[in-house]
Amino acid sequence: MKLLSYINKLFILLFLSMGVTNISYAGLFDDWTDNQLCEWMDQSSPPRIIQNLVNNRKISCSKGVAKPLTASEIQVEKKDEQARLKSIEASNAFDGNYTFKLFSYGEMWGYMMKTHMGGGFFEIRNGVITIAAKNRTRINTFSGAMVEASVDNKYYNSFDGRVDKSGTIVANFLYNPCSEGDCGGAQNIPVSGSIEGLEFTGNFIMGNGPDFKQIIFELEAN
């Protein structure tokens, strides 16, 4: 069974390398070790999904061997993301409205869980991405119910993104997936991904780290 799963993943990676990116397969690689991911990073053009997973795990790769990023390297990475947001050449190639759902993924009660945190609409105008003021939802962290998010919601209003002509997305998002004030408070999260892959992600560092929750935007074209 494990062999069959591994073979399926290799086929998926082959399709992704050929440019078939309209489906997200990130969850299938959760059980891959850091070194297994780094073996793929040695390729001349590693699949984007592998690059995203390496970034999300906060590791660096050298000759197929993984090494955790230091706290200073993580800070440099955040600064680089912010600089890239300012320098990316926005394109109107993907202008339009996109429904999204917001998730957090991380350990909860000893299990890795994906939690629906909210949703709404992305508006892309001339390659600039914002979250529409209407039809926003968020989770009530006390009751667990999905409720309406106001037009004054500081998290959704903070979203600032760009998409270039190839579909690469870079954004910044102020967010806290925990209750207000918990987990070290809200932080500015660099977010990246591909609009053609219909997913982009970032990491919320829990307190002083190293634990983190992955923040995931899943979207679809309207």
Protein backbone atom coordinates (compact mmCIF):
# COMPACT_ATOMS: atom_id res chain seq x y z
CA MET A 1 0.00 0.00 0.00
CA LYS A 2 2.83 2.40 0.84
CA LEU A 3 4.53 1.52 -2.46
CA LEU A 4 1.30 2.29 -4.36
CA SER A 5 0.99 5.64 -2.58
CA TYR A 6 4.61 6.49 -3.41
CA ILE A 7 4.09 5.59 -7.09
CA ASN A 8 0.95 7.78 -7.19
CA LYS A 9 2.93 10.69 -5.81
CA LEU A 10 5.61 10.25 -8.46
CA PHE A 11 2.94 10.35 -11.19
CA ILE A 12 1.46 13.50 -9.63
CA LEU A 13 4.88 15.13 -9.56
CA LEU A 14 5.36 14.18 -13.22
CA PHE A 15 2.07 15.88 -14.15
CA LEU A 16 2.95 18.96 -12.10
CA SER A 17 6.34 19.19 -13.78
CA MET A 18 4.50 19.17 -17.12
CA GLY A 19 2.41 22.13 -16.01
CA VAL A 20 -0.80 20.42 -14.85
CA THR A 21 -1.42 22.63 -11.83
CA ASN A 22 -5.18 23.08 -11.59
CA ILE A 23 -5.53 20.70 -8.60
CA SER A 24 -3.88 20.94 -5.18
CA TYR A 25 -2.08 17.78 -4.02
CA ALA A 26 -0.14 19.25 -1.10
CA GLY A 27 -1.81 17.00 1.51
CA LEU A 28 -0.53 13.86 -0.23
CA PHE A 29 3.07 14.78 0.63
CA ASP A 30 2.61 15.45 4.34
CA ASP A 31 4.30 12.15 5.24
CA TRP A 32 7.39 12.83 3.12
CA THR A 33 10.49 13.53 5.16
CA ASP A 34 12.38 16.80 4.77
CA ASN A 35 15.23 14.96 3.05
CA GLN A 36 12.86 13.38 0.52
CA LEU A 37 11.61 16.83 -0.43
CA CYS A 38 15.18 18.12 -0.67
CA GLU A 39 16.11 15.34 -3.09
CA TRP A 40 13.58 16.87 -5.50
CA MET A 41 14.98 20.35 -4.88
CA ASP A 42 18.25 19.18 -6.46
CA GLN A 43 16.47 18.98 -9.82
CA SER A 44 17.09 21.82 -12.27
CA SER A 45 13.39 22.78 -12.15
CA PRO A 46 11.73 21.26 -9.07
CA PRO A 47 7.90 21.19 -9.12
CA ARG A 48 6.32 24.29 -7.56
CA ILE A 49 4.46 22.13 -5.02
CA ILE A 50 7.80 20.83 -3.71
CA GLN A 51 9.19 24.37 -3.51
CA ASN A 52 6.12 25.48 -1.55
CA LEU A 53 6.39 22.54 0.85
CA VAL A 54 10.07 23.27 1.49
CA ASN A 55 9.23 26.91 2.15
CA ASN A 56 6.35 25.99 4.44
CA ARG A 57 8.54 23.64 6.49
CA LYS A 58 11.13 26.38 6.96
CA ILE A 59 14.05 24.26 5.78
CA SER A 60 16.95 24.78 3.41
CA CYS A 61 18.27 22.10 1.06
CA SER A 62 21.80 21.20 0.02
CA LYS A 63 22.64 18.05 -1.95
CA GLY A 64 19.43 16.33 -0.86
CA VAL A 65 19.93 17.07 2.85
CA ALA A 66 17.51 19.27 4.79
CA LYS A 67 18.51 21.78 7.44
CA PRO A 68 16.07 23.83 9.57
CA LEU A 69 16.22 27.57 9.01
CA THR A 70 17.55 29.58 11.93
CA ALA A 71 15.44 32.34 13.52
CA SER A 72 17.56 34.99 11.77
CA GLU A 73 17.15 33.24 8.40
CA ILE A 74 13.37 33.18 8.90
CA GLN A 75 13.39 36.93 9.58
CA VAL A 76 15.44 37.53 6.44
CA GLU A 77 12.96 35.38 4.52
CA LYS A 78 10.07 37.54 5.76
CA LYS A 79 11.86 40.72 4.69
CA ASP A 80 12.56 39.19 1.29
CA GLU A 81 8.85 38.38 0.85
CA GLN A 82 7.88 41.96 1.69
CA ALA A 83 10.46 43.32 -0.75
CA ARG A 84 9.20 40.94 -3.45
CA LEU A 85 5.65 42.24 -2.94
CA LYS A 86 6.85 45.73 -3.82
CA SER A 87 8.93 44.61 -6.77
CA ILE A 88 6.65 42.04 -8.44
CA GLU A 89 5.32 43.21 -11.80
CA ALA A 90 1.55 43.07 -11.42
CA SER A 91 -0.42 41.94 -14.47
CA ASN A 92 -4.13 42.13 -15.37
CA ALA A 93 -3.99 38.66 -16.95
CA PHE A 94 -5.96 37.17 -14.06
CA ASP A 95 -8.25 40.07 -13.22
CA GLY A 96 -11.62 39.04 -11.84
CA ASN A 97 -13.38 37.83 -8.71
CA TYR A 98 -12.45 34.60 -6.94
CA THR A 99 -14.28 32.87 -4.14
CA PHE A 100 -11.94 31.71 -1.38
CA LYS A 101 -12.02 29.65 1.77
CA LEU A 102 -9.49 30.28 4.53
CA PHE A 103 -8.02 27.37 6.50
CA SER A 104 -5.41 26.84 9.17
CA TYR A 105 -3.47 23.58 9.34
CA GLY A 106 -1.51 22.47 12.38
CA GLU A 107 -1.45 20.38 15.52
CA MET A 108 -4.53 20.42 17.72
CA TRP A 109 -5.07 18.10 20.67
CA GLY A 110 -2.22 15.92 19.45
CA TYR A 111 -3.53 15.59 15.89
CA MET A 112 -2.76 17.45 12.66
CA MET A 113 -6.01 19.17 11.73
CA LYS A 114 -7.23 21.42 8.94
CA THR A 115 -9.70 23.99 10.27
CA HIS A 116 -12.06 26.14 8.22
CA MET A 117 -11.44 29.71 9.44
CA GLY A 118 -13.54 31.81 7.07
CA GLY A 119 -14.04 32.89 3.49
CA GLY A 120 -15.02 35.59 1.05
CA PHE A 121 -14.08 36.98 -2.36
CA PHE A 122 -10.76 38.11 -3.76
CA GLU A 123 -10.94 41.04 -6.13
CA ILE A 124 -8.08 41.32 -8.63
CA ARG A 125 -7.80 44.62 -10.45
CA ASN A 126 -4.74 45.34 -12.60
CA GLY A 127 -2.94 42.53 -10.78
CA VAL A 128 -3.59 43.97 -7.30
CA ILE A 129 -5.38 41.54 -4.96
CA THR A 130 -7.68 42.64 -2.13
CA ILE A 131 -10.52 41.02 -0.21
CA ALA A 132 -14.01 42.32 -1.04
CA ALA A 133 -15.84 44.06 1.79
CA LYS A 134 -19.05 42.08 1.25
CA ASN A 135 -19.87 38.39 1.86
CA ARG A 136 -17.05 37.81 4.35
CA THR A 137 -17.20 35.05 6.92
CA ARG A 138 -15.00 34.15 9.88
CA ILE A 139 -14.99 31.52 12.55
CA ASN A 140 -16.11 32.42 16.06
CA THR A 141 -13.17 31.00 18.02
CA PHE A 142 -15.33 30.57 21.13
CA SER A 143 -18.36 28.80 19.65
CA GLY A 144 -16.75 27.35 16.52
CA ALA A 145 -19.60 28.71 14.40
CA MET A 146 -19.09 30.49 11.08
CA VAL A 147 -20.33 34.09 11.35
CA GLU A 148 -20.36 37.22 9.20
CA ALA A 149 -17.15 39.26 9.21
CA SER A 150 -17.63 43.02 9.25
CA VAL A 151 -16.33 45.49 6.68
CA ASP A 152 -14.00 46.72 9.45
CA ASN A 153 -12.36 43.32 9.96
CA LYS A 154 -8.69 44.23 10.34
CA TYR A 155 -7.43 40.89 9.07
CA TYR A 156 -9.30 40.84 5.79
CA ASN A 157 -8.67 44.55 5.26
CA SER A 158 -4.93 43.97 5.69
CA PHE A 159 -4.63 41.57 2.74
CA ASP A 160 -2.38 43.09 0.09
CA GLY A 161 -1.31 40.95 -2.85
CA ARG A 162 0.05 40.99 -6.39
CA VAL A 163 -0.17 38.50 -9.23
CA ASP A 164 2.16 38.56 -12.23
CA LYS A 165 1.53 37.41 -15.79
CA SER A 166 2.63 33.85 -14.99
CA GLY A 167 0.09 33.53 -12.17
CA THR A 168 2.59 33.75 -9.32
CA ILE A 169 1.03 35.36 -6.25
CA VAL A 170 2.83 37.23 -3.49
CA ALA A 171 0.89 38.80 -0.62
CA ASN A 172 1.03 39.98 2.97
CA PHE A 173 -1.72 39.10 5.43
CA LEU A 174 -2.08 40.23 9.04
CA TYR A 175 -3.68 37.33 10.90
CA ASN A 176 -4.00 35.27 14.05
CA PRO A 177 -5.68 31.86 13.72
CA CYS A 178 -5.93 31.62 17.53
CA SER A 179 -8.22 33.56 19.85
CA GLU A 180 -7.51 37.28 19.98
CA GLY A 181 -4.24 37.88 21.84
CA ASP A 182 -3.29 34.18 22.03
CA CYS A 183 -0.35 32.45 20.31
CA GLY A 184 1.76 35.62 20.48
CA GLY A 185 -0.87 37.83 18.83
CA ALA A 186 -1.49 38.73 15.20
CA GLN A 187 1.48 38.81 12.84
CA ASN A 188 2.13 39.82 9.27
CA ILE A 189 2.32 36.60 7.25
CA PRO A 190 4.07 36.49 3.85
CA VAL A 191 1.84 34.47 1.53
CA SER A 192 2.75 32.98 -1.83
CA GLY A 193 1.48 30.48 -4.36
CA SER A 194 -0.04 30.15 -7.81
CA ILE A 195 -3.42 31.34 -8.99
CA GLU A 196 -3.53 28.50 -11.51
CA GLY A 197 -2.95 26.06 -8.66
CA LEU A 198 -5.92 27.68 -6.87
CA GLU A 199 -4.02 27.78 -3.59
CA PHE A 200 -1.55 29.97 -1.77
CA THR A 201 -0.13 29.62 1.69
CA GLY A 202 1.93 31.14 4.48
CA ASN A 203 3.02 30.25 7.99
CA PHE A 204 1.87 31.69 11.32
CA ILE A 205 4.65 31.20 13.88
CA MET A 206 3.25 30.10 17.24
CA GLY A 207 4.62 32.37 19.95
CA ASN A 208 8.41 32.40 19.66
CA GLY A 209 8.40 29.26 17.48
CA PRO A 210 9.47 26.89 16.16
CA ASP A 211 5.90 25.49 15.95
CA PHE A 212 3.65 27.07 13.34
CA LYS A 213 0.24 26.81 11.73
CA GLN A 214 -0.02 26.83 7.96
CA ILE A 215 -2.47 29.43 6.64
CA ILE A 216 -4.14 28.26 3.44
CA PHE A 217 -6.27 30.13 0.91
CA GLU A 218 -8.19 27.83 -1.42
CA LEU A 219 -9.94 29.62 -4.27
CA GLU A 220 -11.98 29.15 -7.40
CA ALA A 221 -12.80 31.43 -10.32
CA ASN A 222 -16.32 32.81 -10.46
